[in-house]
Amino acid sequence: MTAADDGNMTDQIRQIIRDHARLAGDVDALAADADLYSAGMTSHASVNVMLALEDHFDVEFPDRMLTRSVFESIASIEAALIELRSEAAVS
């Protein structure tokens, strides 16, 4: 994965959050490590975000990743997706 891919992934995650997290503020104004729950994302909205991420990136979050900390920021979501993609590449 190149740096350009990482930037593109961040943009794609931001778009999914924009579409599914139901945040009142501007997603683009959030730092990558900003707490999405503090920004207004509910646990119900986080499930919608997770499902949209799975669909968009063609991955499935395993039970061990179904935690608040995985979905609390753009950076943590991206780290989880990179981990899932690397695991998929190995198998």
Protein backbone atom coordinates (compact mmCIF):
# COMPACT_ATOMS: atom_id res chain seq x y z
CA MET A 1 0.00 0.00 0.00
CA THR A 2 1.44 3.37 -1.00
CA ALA A 3 1.13 6.72 0.72
CA ALA A 4 -1.33 7.73 -2.01
CA ASP A 5 -3.45 4.71 -1.14
CA ASP A 6 -3.40 5.73 2.52
CA GLY A 7 -4.61 9.23 1.66
CA ASN A 8 -7.29 7.80 -0.57
CA MET A 9 -8.38 5.40 2.19
CA THR A 10 -8.66 8.30 4.64
CA ASP A 11 -10.82 10.20 2.14
CA GLN A 12 -13.01 7.14 1.64
CA ILE A 13 -13.40 6.64 5.41
CA ARG A 14 -14.31 10.32 5.82
CA GLN A 15 -16.98 9.96 3.12
CA ILE A 16 -18.47 6.90 4.84
CA ILE A 17 -18.49 8.77 8.15
CA ARG A 18 -20.10 11.76 6.43
CA ASP A 19 -22.81 9.48 4.99
CA HIS A 20 -23.47 7.20 7.98
CA ALA A 21 -22.22 8.63 11.31
CA ARG A 22 -24.86 11.38 11.53
CA LEU A 23 -22.43 13.94 12.87
CA ALA A 24 -23.64 17.51 13.22
CA GLY A 25 -20.25 19.04 12.39
CA ASP A 26 -18.05 18.99 9.32
CA VAL A 27 -16.26 15.63 9.04
CA ASP A 28 -13.44 17.28 7.09
CA ALA A 29 -12.75 19.59 10.05
CA LEU A 30 -12.09 16.62 12.35
CA ALA A 31 -8.53 15.57 13.02
CA ALA A 32 -7.77 11.96 12.12
CA ASP A 33 -7.48 11.13 15.82
CA ALA A 34 -10.58 13.09 16.93
CA ASP A 35 -13.07 11.06 18.98
CA LEU A 36 -16.07 10.42 16.72
CA TYR A 37 -18.27 9.59 19.71
CA SER A 38 -17.46 12.97 21.27
CA ALA A 39 -18.29 14.51 17.89
CA GLY A 40 -21.80 13.03 18.14
CA MET A 41 -21.67 9.53 16.69
CA THR A 42 -23.99 7.16 18.55
CA SER A 43 -23.39 3.45 19.01
CA HIS A 44 -26.24 2.81 16.53
CA ALA A 45 -24.58 5.07 13.95
CA SER A 46 -21.25 3.28 14.55
CA VAL A 47 -22.90 0.02 13.47
CA ASN A 48 -24.04 1.73 10.26
CA VAL A 49 -20.50 3.03 9.74
CA MET A 50 -19.08 -0.46 10.31
CA LEU A 51 -21.48 -2.04 7.81
CA ALA A 52 -20.71 0.64 5.21
CA LEU A 53 -16.97 0.14 5.74
CA GLU A 54 -17.33 -3.63 5.32
CA ASP A 55 -19.29 -3.16 2.12
CA HIS A 56 -17.01 -0.48 0.67
CA PHE A 57 -13.69 -2.13 1.50
CA ASP A 58 -14.93 -5.72 1.05
CA VAL A 59 -13.84 -6.82 4.52
CA GLU A 60 -15.52 -8.26 7.59
CA PHE A 61 -14.61 -6.99 11.02
CA PRO A 62 -13.94 -9.99 13.28
CA ASP A 63 -15.44 -10.12 16.78
CA ARG A 64 -12.14 -9.01 18.31
CA MET A 65 -12.46 -5.70 16.43
CA LEU A 66 -16.05 -4.99 17.37
CA THR A 67 -15.05 -2.54 20.07
CA ARG A 68 -15.63 1.14 20.63
CA SER A 69 -11.90 1.86 20.34
CA VAL A 70 -11.72 0.54 16.75
CA PHE A 71 -14.43 2.96 15.59
CA GLU A 72 -13.61 5.95 17.78
CA SER A 73 -11.52 7.84 15.20
CA ILE A 74 -10.67 7.97 11.53
CA ALA A 75 -7.11 6.91 12.39
CA SER A 76 -8.25 3.86 14.40
CA ILE A 77 -10.66 2.80 11.64
CA GLU A 78 -7.90 3.13 9.05
CA ALA A 79 -5.48 1.11 11.20
CA ALA A 80 -8.07 -1.66 11.55
CA LEU A 81 -8.73 -1.71 7.80
CA ILE A 82 -5.00 -1.87 7.02
CA GLU A 83 -4.67 -4.76 9.47
CA LEU A 84 -7.60 -6.60 7.86
CA ARG A 85 -6.20 -6.07 4.37
CA SER A 86 -2.76 -7.34 5.39
CA GLU A 87 -4.32 -10.43 7.00
CA ALA A 88 -6.32 -11.05 3.81
CA ALA A 89 -3.18 -10.70 1.68
CA VAL A 90 -1.43 -13.35 3.77
CA SER A 91 -4.25 -15.91 3.59
